[in-house]
């Protein structure tokens, strides 16, 4: 088969290497510059490629195209391929053709990475042969060349799900659906929700679907009447209206069953989660989903509890980066939307000095105002244009100021905080006004805290 791969980053290069290993003719095309490490991989493999352009005569001659999730459906070359009915698939769809391993696939607007990393950690710590792939930055296709794992835990964005017509996860997980990336879906929440729900469309009776029964948008669009997959909903609390696979029986107790609604089957498990380092309601949802995945993979309570105790989340997600004179500094730079910031504010128990702001994506801050009024003693606006934040929160917080400098924000945070307080970077905005990306913002925040710790000692 003549395969063309559009995009030469992690997923595209991984797909190219797998395609070559399977005997296909391969050509890689990237409209931008290819990073040196990926160019080297293609060169060493002898795979033909181009960069800084798309050559229509080569691309339109493909039998099938594997598209990077970052390429918009509105791109001219994609429109041309659609016009001539050339099949366009994702790296995950392609990779799935060449493995019999069990794929645990996780999506949702918020919490995907945490849940993916926790699920992977639990399985790995229990001794299972498991790979980590997808939107966390590791190519599934490249790993499948050797295919050394029995399980793959795969984080999936809606963009990846758009081009996965036949892929069938062993377990599909949907954490939540909140407005995000709507520009890719004609500014329609329904279109975006349908994209997320594609994770479950190919499931059959051999598969399981884990989803958040508390999520209003999921409930609105999820149609389970004709689904044959095993349905495992989770929620914060036990609900009389629906049998749940997992819910919290107490602050540190997670109750789960793999056969919700069947009282005659005794597979119930009560789990002590007190050793988990994750905080906040959203992380309780993430944890419940990960535990259900682990249970489906055969882990018992002791294995799960041991894994929870040793888990370290990815950077920039409610990450403790320092403590000065009893004041804790939390880096939640990944909170680039209102929903994520809500979870952070809700999850921190101490009084908060909140650092927020950045590139506003059309945010509506209304849902944050009651939390800010109740929990935030000061708001430091860190952005080029802070007028919308100031208008939303001036009446809600006792003190508000602004700066364009992250080091100054950290210094002022310490000055405004008392012992026992938390200085929380949870921006609710994108980072591109002052920083390269949310990782750059988080790293600069952590570095500023580290420098202040040295100066204070």
Protein backbone atom coordinates (compact mmCIF):
# COMPACT_ATOMS: atom_id res chain seq x y z
CA UNK A 1 0.00 0.00 0.00
CA UNK A 2 1.18 3.54 -0.76
CA UNK A 3 0.93 5.42 2.54
CA UNK A 4 1.46 9.14 3.08
CA UNK A 5 1.96 10.50 6.60
CA UNK A 6 1.10 14.16 7.18
CA UNK A 7 3.05 15.60 10.08
CA UNK A 8 6.51 14.49 11.19
CA UNK A 9 6.44 14.74 14.96
CA UNK A 10 6.02 11.88 17.47
CA UNK A 11 2.89 10.30 16.07
CA UNK A 12 3.74 10.79 12.40
CA UNK A 13 7.28 9.45 12.60
CA UNK A 14 6.10 6.51 14.70
CA UNK A 15 3.45 5.71 12.09
CA UNK A 16 6.04 5.95 9.31
CA UNK A 17 8.39 3.53 11.06
CA UNK A 18 5.58 1.03 11.68
CA UNK A 19 4.35 1.36 8.08
CA UNK A 20 7.84 0.64 6.79
CA UNK A 21 8.19 -2.35 9.14
CA UNK A 22 4.92 -3.72 7.73
CA UNK A 23 6.18 -3.46 4.15
CA UNK A 24 4.26 -0.40 2.97
CA UNK A 25 5.63 2.29 0.67
CA UNK A 26 5.93 5.39 2.86
CA UNK A 27 6.26 9.14 2.25
CA UNK A 28 6.22 11.73 5.05
CA UNK A 29 5.22 15.35 4.48
CA UNK A 30 5.34 18.21 6.99
CA UNK A 31 4.25 21.75 6.16
CA UNK A 32 6.68 23.07 8.77
CA UNK A 33 10.26 22.33 9.75
CA UNK A 34 10.91 18.84 11.13
CA UNK A 35 12.70 18.71 14.48
CA UNK A 36 16.24 17.32 14.23
CA UNK A 37 15.54 14.20 16.30
CA UNK A 38 12.64 13.22 14.04
CA UNK A 39 14.52 14.07 10.84
CA UNK A 40 17.33 11.79 12.06
CA UNK A 41 14.91 8.90 12.67
CA UNK A 42 13.47 9.20 9.16
CA UNK A 43 16.90 9.50 7.57
CA UNK A 44 18.31 6.51 9.43
CA UNK A 45 15.30 4.43 8.39
CA UNK A 46 15.64 5.50 4.76
CA UNK A 47 12.11 6.91 4.68
CA UNK A 48 11.44 9.59 2.05
CA UNK A 49 10.18 12.90 3.48
CA UNK A 50 9.71 16.57 2.79
CA UNK A 51 9.45 19.56 5.10
CA UNK A 52 8.22 23.16 4.87
CA UNK A 53 5.74 22.12 2.18
CA UNK A 54 3.04 19.70 1.11
CA UNK A 55 3.51 18.40 -2.44
CA UNK A 56 -0.03 17.72 -3.75
CA UNK A 57 1.12 15.38 -6.55
CA UNK A 58 2.73 13.02 -4.01
CA UNK A 59 0.09 13.31 -1.29
CA UNK A 60 -2.94 12.94 -3.53
CA UNK A 61 -1.47 9.74 -5.01
CA UNK A 62 -1.72 7.97 -1.62
CA UNK A 63 -3.89 4.90 -1.10
CA UNK A 64 -4.33 6.02 2.50
CA UNK A 65 -3.20 9.02 4.56
CA UNK A 66 -2.23 9.03 8.24
CA UNK A 67 -2.81 12.53 9.58
CA UNK A 68 -1.30 14.25 12.61
CA UNK A 69 -4.06 15.24 15.07
CA UNK A 70 -2.81 18.82 14.96
CA UNK A 71 -3.74 19.30 11.30
CA UNK A 72 -7.12 20.95 10.88
CA UNK A 73 -9.85 19.40 8.80
CA UNK A 74 -10.05 22.81 7.08
CA UNK A 75 -6.47 22.57 5.74
CA UNK A 76 -6.37 22.79 1.94
CA UNK A 77 -4.58 19.45 1.47
CA UNK A 78 -7.11 17.67 3.72
CA UNK A 79 -9.99 19.16 1.76
CA UNK A 80 -8.41 17.95 -1.48
CA UNK A 81 -8.00 14.43 -0.07
CA UNK A 82 -11.62 14.40 1.13
CA UNK A 83 -12.81 15.52 -2.31
CA UNK A 84 -11.23 12.47 -3.93
CA UNK A 85 -12.34 10.16 -1.08
CA UNK A 86 -8.85 9.16 0.03
CA UNK A 87 -9.12 7.41 3.43
CA UNK A 88 -7.62 9.55 6.24
CA UNK A 89 -6.87 7.90 9.57
CA UNK A 90 -4.97 8.61 12.78
CA UNK A 91 -1.76 7.01 13.99
CA UNK A 92 -3.78 5.17 16.66
CA UNK A 93 -6.15 3.69 14.07
CA UNK A 94 -3.18 2.50 12.02
CA UNK A 95 -1.28 1.09 14.99
CA UNK A 96 -4.30 -0.85 16.19
CA UNK A 97 -4.22 -3.01 13.07
CA UNK A 98 -0.94 -4.59 14.14
CA UNK A 99 -1.38 -5.53 17.80
CA UNK A 100 -3.55 -7.90 19.81
CA UNK A 101 -2.64 -6.16 23.08
CA UNK A 102 -5.43 -4.76 25.23
CA UNK A 103 -5.69 -0.98 24.82
CA UNK A 104 -7.09 1.12 27.66
CA UNK A 105 -8.02 4.40 25.97
CA UNK A 106 -8.76 7.53 27.99
CA UNK A 107 -10.31 10.80 26.88
CA UNK A 108 -12.06 13.83 28.41
CA UNK A 109 -11.67 17.59 28.37
CA UNK A 110 -9.84 17.65 31.70
CA UNK A 111 -7.91 14.98 33.58
CA UNK A 112 -6.82 12.80 30.64
CA UNK A 113 -3.11 12.90 31.36
CA UNK A 114 -3.40 12.36 35.11
CA UNK A 115 -5.75 9.40 34.63
CA UNK A 116 -3.58 7.91 31.89
CA UNK A 117 -0.39 8.22 33.92
CA UNK A 118 -2.05 6.84 37.07
CA UNK A 119 -3.55 3.86 35.22
CA UNK A 120 -0.19 3.11 33.60
CA UNK A 121 1.58 3.43 36.96
CA UNK A 122 -0.84 1.09 38.74
CA UNK A 123 -0.47 -1.62 36.08
CA UNK A 124 3.30 -1.25 35.82
CA UNK A 125 3.82 -1.34 39.60
CA UNK A 126 1.73 -4.51 39.73
CA UNK A 127 4.18 -6.16 37.33
CA UNK A 128 2.08 -6.16 34.15
CA UNK A 129 3.71 -5.65 30.76
CA UNK A 130 2.27 -2.26 29.87
CA UNK A 131 3.10 0.58 27.49
CA UNK A 132 2.19 4.28 27.68
CA UNK A 133 1.11 6.02 24.48
CA UNK A 134 -0.94 8.66 22.68
CA UNK A 135 -1.45 12.27 23.66
CA UNK A 136 1.02 11.93 26.57
CA UNK A 137 3.78 12.14 23.98
CA UNK A 138 4.71 8.56 23.10
CA UNK A 139 3.89 6.99 19.75
CA UNK A 140 1.74 3.86 19.97
CA UNK A 141 2.75 2.91 16.42
CA UNK A 142 6.47 2.97 17.16
CA UNK A 143 6.01 0.79 20.25
CA UNK A 144 3.98 -1.72 18.26
CA UNK A 145 6.93 -2.40 15.93
CA UNK A 146 8.31 -4.60 18.72
CA UNK A 147 4.91 -5.06 20.42
CA UNK A 148 6.35 -6.21 23.74
CA UNK A 149 3.36 -5.31 25.92
CA UNK A 150 0.13 -7.03 26.91
CA UNK A 151 -1.54 -3.68 27.65
CA UNK A 152 -1.24 -0.15 26.33
CA UNK A 153 -2.66 2.82 28.21
CA UNK A 154 -3.45 5.46 25.59
CA UNK A 155 -4.46 9.10 26.12
CA UNK A 156 -6.68 10.31 23.29
CA UNK A 157 -7.69 13.83 22.32
CA UNK A 158 -10.86 14.55 20.38
CA UNK A 159 -8.64 15.32 17.37
CA UNK A 160 -7.29 11.76 17.42
CA UNK A 161 -10.77 10.30 17.84
CA UNK A 162 -11.94 12.17 14.74
CA UNK A 163 -9.90 9.82 12.53
CA UNK A 164 -10.43 6.47 14.25
CA UNK A 165 -13.31 4.83 12.34
CA UNK A 166 -12.63 1.18 13.24
CA UNK A 167 -10.30 1.14 16.25
CA UNK A 168 -11.78 -0.73 19.22
CA UNK A 169 -10.36 -0.15 22.70
CA UNK A 170 -10.44 -3.00 25.21
CA UNK A 171 -11.52 -0.40 27.79
CA UNK A 172 -12.74 3.10 26.89
CA UNK A 173 -12.78 5.87 29.50
CA UNK A 174 -14.64 9.20 29.20
CA UNK A 175 -13.88 11.53 32.13
CA UNK A 176 -15.91 14.63 31.27
CA UNK A 177 -16.95 16.98 28.48
CA UNK A 178 -16.69 20.75 28.92
CA UNK A 179 -16.42 23.48 26.26
CA UNK A 180 -12.91 23.52 24.77
CA UNK A 181 -11.40 23.51 21.26
CA UNK A 182 -14.81 24.51 19.92
CA UNK A 183 -13.17 26.32 17.00
CA UNK A 184 -12.41 22.86 15.56
CA UNK A 185 -16.09 21.85 15.89
CA UNK A 186 -17.95 24.81 14.35
CA UNK A 187 -18.33 26.31 17.84
CA UNK A 188 -20.83 23.56 18.65
CA UNK A 189 -20.70 21.81 22.02
CA UNK A 190 -22.78 19.01 20.55
CA UNK A 191 -20.24 18.39 17.76
CA UNK A 192 -17.41 18.39 20.31
CA UNK A 193 -19.33 15.99 22.58
CA UNK A 194 -20.01 13.65 19.67
CA UNK A 195 -16.26 13.65 18.92
CA UNK A 196 -15.47 12.63 22.49
CA UNK A 197 -18.13 9.93 22.47
CA UNK A 198 -16.51 8.33 19.41
CA UNK A 199 -14.26 6.54 21.90
CA UNK A 200 -17.19 4.20 22.64
CA UNK A 201 -18.80 3.75 19.23
CA UNK A 202 -17.02 0.49 18.29
CA UNK A 203 -17.28 -1.23 21.67
CA UNK A 204 -18.90 -4.66 21.90
CA UNK A 205 -19.64 -7.17 24.64
CA UNK A 206 -15.93 -7.97 25.09
CA UNK A 207 -15.21 -4.35 26.02
CA UNK A 208 -15.94 -2.00 28.92
CA UNK A 209 -16.96 1.66 28.95
CA UNK A 210 -16.03 3.68 32.05
CA UNK A 211 -17.68 7.09 32.24
CA UNK A 212 -18.48 9.91 34.65
CA UNK A 213 -22.13 9.69 35.71
CA UNK A 214 -21.87 13.14 37.32
CA UNK A 215 -20.95 14.89 34.07
CA UNK A 216 -23.98 16.72 32.74
CA UNK A 217 -22.83 17.02 29.11
CA UNK A 218 -21.89 13.34 28.92
CA UNK A 219 -25.32 12.43 30.25
CA UNK A 220 -27.02 14.67 27.71
CA UNK A 221 -25.41 13.08 24.66
CA UNK A 222 -24.55 9.54 25.77
CA UNK A 223 -26.87 6.91 24.31
CA UNK A 224 -26.38 3.59 26.12
CA UNK A 225 -29.65 1.86 25.16
CA UNK A 226 -28.13 -0.15 22.34
CA UNK A 227 -24.59 -0.47 23.67
CA UNK A 228 -23.47 -4.05 24.28
CA UNK A 229 -20.28 -3.06 26.13
CA UNK A 230 -19.99 -3.49 29.88
CA UNK A 231 -21.04 -0.12 31.35
CA UNK A 232 -19.09 1.06 34.40
CA UNK A 233 -20.23 4.54 35.48
CA UNK A 234 -18.52 6.29 38.41
CA UNK A 235 -19.54 9.26 40.55
CA UNK A 236 -18.54 11.20 43.62
CA UNK A 237 -21.33 9.77 45.78
CA UNK A 238 -23.70 6.82 45.73
CA UNK A 239 -26.78 7.59 43.65
CA UNK A 240 -30.25 6.10 44.04
CA UNK A 241 -31.09 6.73 40.38
CA UNK A 242 -28.37 4.54 38.85
CA UNK A 243 -26.11 1.63 39.85
CA UNK A 244 -22.48 2.74 39.94
CA UNK A 245 -19.24 0.88 39.40
CA UNK A 246 -17.39 3.27 41.72
CA UNK A 247 -18.24 6.00 44.21
CA UNK A 248 -16.78 7.51 47.38
CA UNK A 249 -18.17 6.05 50.59
CA UNK A 250 -16.11 8.55 52.60
CA UNK A 251 -13.35 11.12 52.31
CA UNK A 252 -10.71 8.41 51.94
CA UNK A 253 -12.76 5.37 50.91
CA UNK A 254 -13.55 4.36 47.33
CA UNK A 255 -16.18 1.66 46.86
CA UNK A 256 -16.16 -0.21 43.56
CA UNK A 257 -17.86 -3.12 41.86
CA UNK A 258 -17.33 -4.47 38.37
CA UNK A 259 -20.94 -5.62 38.17
CA UNK A 260 -23.02 -2.58 39.12
CA UNK A 261 -26.67 -3.37 39.64
CA UNK A 262 -26.11 -7.09 40.26
CA UNK A 263 -26.43 -7.59 44.01
CA UNK A 264 -26.06 -11.36 43.76
CA UNK A 265 -22.51 -11.11 42.42
CA UNK A 266 -19.97 -10.29 45.12
CA UNK A 267 -16.98 -8.60 43.56
CA UNK A 268 -17.20 -5.43 45.63
CA UNK A 269 -14.04 -3.76 46.86
CA UNK A 270 -13.45 -0.96 49.37
CA UNK A 271 -10.22 0.91 48.83
CA UNK A 272 -8.33 3.16 51.26
CA UNK A 273 -7.08 6.07 49.13
CA UNK A 274 -5.49 8.06 51.96
CA UNK A 275 -1.96 7.44 50.57
CA UNK A 276 -2.79 9.06 47.21
CA UNK A 277 -0.99 12.40 46.62
CA UNK A 278 -3.79 13.67 44.34
CA UNK A 279 -6.00 16.46 45.66
CA UNK A 280 -9.29 17.98 44.55
CA UNK A 281 -12.65 16.69 43.33
CA UNK A 282 -11.44 16.31 39.76
CA UNK A 283 -8.64 14.03 40.91
CA UNK A 284 -11.14 11.93 42.84
CA UNK A 285 -12.88 11.37 39.50
CA UNK A 286 -9.58 10.62 37.79
CA UNK A 287 -8.64 8.19 40.55
CA UNK A 288 -11.99 6.36 40.39
CA UNK A 289 -11.61 5.84 36.64
CA UNK A 290 -8.01 4.62 36.98
CA UNK A 291 -8.95 2.20 39.76
CA UNK A 292 -11.71 0.68 37.62
CA UNK A 293 -9.20 0.21 34.78
CA UNK A 294 -6.78 -1.46 37.19
CA UNK A 295 -9.48 -3.75 38.54
CA UNK A 296 -10.44 -4.81 35.01
CA UNK A 297 -6.78 -5.70 34.47
CA UNK A 298 -6.97 -7.98 37.51
CA UNK A 299 -5.31 -5.91 40.24
CA UNK A 300 -6.44 -6.45 43.83
CA UNK A 301 -6.87 -3.83 46.56
CA UNK A 302 -3.38 -4.27 48.00
CA UNK A 303 -1.74 -3.78 44.60
CA UNK A 304 -3.83 -0.70 43.85
CA UNK A 305 -3.21 0.91 47.24
CA UNK A 306 0.55 0.30 46.92
CA UNK A 307 0.53 1.91 43.48
CA UNK A 308 -1.43 4.95 44.63
CA UNK A 309 1.12 5.62 47.36
CA UNK A 310 4.05 5.80 44.91
CA UNK A 311 2.39 7.78 42.12
CA UNK A 312 3.84 11.11 41.03
CA UNK A 313 1.70 13.17 38.68
CA UNK A 314 3.01 14.99 35.62
CA UNK A 315 4.38 18.46 36.13
CA UNK A 316 2.12 21.53 36.12
CA UNK A 317 -0.92 19.70 37.53
CA UNK A 318 -1.47 20.86 41.12
CA UNK A 319 2.23 20.17 41.64
CA UNK A 320 3.80 21.20 44.95
CA UNK A 321 6.95 23.11 43.96
CA UNK A 322 8.00 24.56 47.30
CA UNK A 323 7.16 25.77 50.78
CA UNK A 324 8.40 28.95 52.44
CA UNK A 325 7.59 29.85 56.05
CA UNK A 326 4.59 27.55 56.06
CA UNK A 327 3.25 28.85 52.72
CA UNK A 328 2.83 26.16 50.03
CA UNK A 329 3.29 26.94 46.33
CA UNK A 330 1.22 24.87 43.86
CA UNK A 331 1.94 24.87 40.12
CA UNK A 332 -1.29 24.21 38.22
CA UNK A 333 -0.19 25.87 34.98
CA UNK A 334 -1.97 23.14 32.97
CA UNK A 335 -5.28 24.72 34.08
CA UNK A 336 -5.75 26.64 30.84
CA UNK A 337 -9.55 26.77 31.04
CA UNK A 338 -12.15 27.83 33.59
CA UNK A 339 -13.25 24.28 34.43
CA UNK A 340 -9.71 23.20 35.36
CA UNK A 341 -9.20 26.30 37.51
CA UNK A 342 -12.51 25.58 39.28
CA UNK A 343 -11.30 22.14 40.26
CA UNK A 344 -8.04 23.58 41.59
CA UNK A 345 -9.72 26.28 43.67
CA UNK A 346 -12.23 23.77 44.98
CA UNK A 347 -9.57 21.19 45.81
CA UNK A 348 -7.24 23.39 47.88
CA UNK A 349 -8.38 23.40 51.48
CA UNK A 350 -6.23 26.31 52.74
CA UNK A 351 -6.80 30.04 52.16
CA UNK A 352 -5.52 30.89 48.67
CA UNK A 353 -3.44 33.59 47.08
CA UNK A 354 -4.42 32.96 43.49
CA UNK A 355 -2.24 33.75 40.47
CA UNK A 356 -4.35 33.74 37.29
CA UNK A 357 -4.52 35.25 33.83
CA UNK A 358 -3.05 34.95 30.36
CA UNK A 359 -4.64 34.74 26.93
CA UNK A 360 -8.40 34.73 27.40
CA UNK A 361 -10.17 32.15 25.19
CA UNK A 362 -13.59 33.73 25.49
CA UNK A 363 -13.79 32.65 29.13
CA UNK A 364 -16.87 33.05 31.30
CA UNK A 365 -15.57 33.35 34.87
CA UNK A 366 -19.01 33.30 36.52
CA UNK A 367 -18.61 29.81 37.98
CA UNK A 368 -15.38 30.80 39.70
CA UNK A 369 -16.75 33.86 41.51
CA UNK A 370 -18.42 32.03 44.46
CA UNK A 371 -15.27 29.96 45.05
CA UNK A 372 -13.07 33.04 44.85
CA UNK A 373 -15.32 34.89 47.29
CA UNK A 374 -15.14 32.01 49.77
CA UNK A 375 -11.53 30.87 49.44
CA UNK A 376 -9.30 33.52 47.79
CA UNK A 377 -7.74 36.18 49.99
CA UNK A 378 -5.85 37.83 47.12
CA UNK A 379 -5.75 37.58 43.32
CA UNK A 380 -2.60 38.38 41.38
CA UNK A 381 -3.35 38.84 37.68
CA UNK A 382 -0.45 37.64 35.54
CA UNK A 383 -1.17 38.64 31.97
CA UNK A 384 -0.76 41.30 29.32
CA UNK A 385 -4.45 42.25 29.44
CA UNK A 386 -6.10 41.66 32.82
CA UNK A 387 -9.20 43.82 32.42
CA UNK A 388 -11.67 40.93 32.10
CA UNK A 389 -10.26 39.19 35.18
CA UNK A 390 -10.34 42.42 37.16
CA UNK A 391 -13.94 43.07 36.15
CA UNK A 392 -14.98 39.55 37.15
CA UNK A 393 -13.26 39.35 40.55
CA UNK A 394 -12.78 42.86 41.95
CA UNK A 395 -15.90 42.53 44.10
CA UNK A 396 -15.22 38.90 45.00
CA UNK A 397 -11.74 39.07 46.53
CA UNK A 398 -10.40 41.34 49.29
CA UNK A 399 -7.26 42.27 47.36
CA UNK A 400 -6.40 42.33 43.65
CA UNK A 401 -3.23 43.41 41.87
CA UNK A 402 -1.50 42.71 38.57
CA UNK A 403 1.97 42.11 37.15
CA UNK A 404 3.60 41.00 33.91
CA UNK A 405 6.46 39.23 35.69
CA UNK A 406 6.20 35.72 37.14
CA UNK A 407 9.00 36.30 39.69
CA UNK A 408 7.18 39.38 40.96
CA UNK A 409 3.95 37.37 41.16
CA UNK A 410 5.69 34.77 43.33
CA UNK A 411 7.25 37.44 45.59
CA UNK A 412 3.91 39.18 46.01
CA UNK A 413 2.21 35.85 46.62
CA UNK A 414 4.50 35.15 49.56
CA UNK A 415 4.04 38.67 50.92
CA UNK A 416 0.24 38.39 50.78
CA UNK A 417 0.09 34.88 52.28
CA UNK A 418 0.19 33.79 55.92
CA UNK A 419 1.62 30.53 57.30
CA UNK A 420 -0.75 27.73 56.31
CA UNK A 421 -1.92 29.51 53.14
CA UNK A 422 -1.39 28.29 49.56
CA UNK A 423 -0.10 30.35 46.66
CA UNK A 424 -1.81 28.76 43.67
CA UNK A 425 -0.87 29.28 40.04
CA UNK A 426 -4.04 28.15 38.23
CA UNK A 427 -4.39 30.56 35.32
CA UNK A 428 -7.77 29.62 33.74
CA UNK A 429 -6.23 31.03 30.55
CA UNK A 430 -3.81 30.07 27.81
CA UNK A 431 -0.20 31.11 28.25
CA UNK A 432 0.79 32.64 24.93
CA UNK A 433 0.79 36.31 25.93
CA UNK A 434 3.84 36.06 28.22
CA UNK A 435 5.08 32.48 27.79
CA UNK A 436 5.83 29.92 25.07
CA UNK A 437 3.26 27.48 26.45
CA UNK A 438 1.81 26.27 29.75
CA UNK A 439 4.94 24.18 30.44
CA UNK A 440 7.14 27.27 30.08
CA UNK A 441 4.82 29.19 32.41
CA UNK A 442 4.92 26.38 34.99
CA UNK A 443 8.70 26.00 34.78
CA UNK A 444 9.24 29.75 35.25
CA UNK A 445 6.87 29.72 38.24
CA UNK A 446 8.70 26.76 39.82
CA UNK A 447 12.09 28.41 39.17
CA UNK A 448 10.91 31.65 40.78
CA UNK A 449 9.72 29.74 43.85
CA UNK A 450 13.04 27.89 44.05
CA UNK A 451 14.97 31.14 43.85
CA UNK A 452 12.80 32.73 46.55
CA UNK A 453 13.35 29.68 48.78
CA UNK A 454 17.12 30.14 48.48
CA UNK A 455 16.87 33.84 49.26
CA UNK A 456 14.65 33.26 52.29
CA UNK A 457 17.01 30.66 53.85
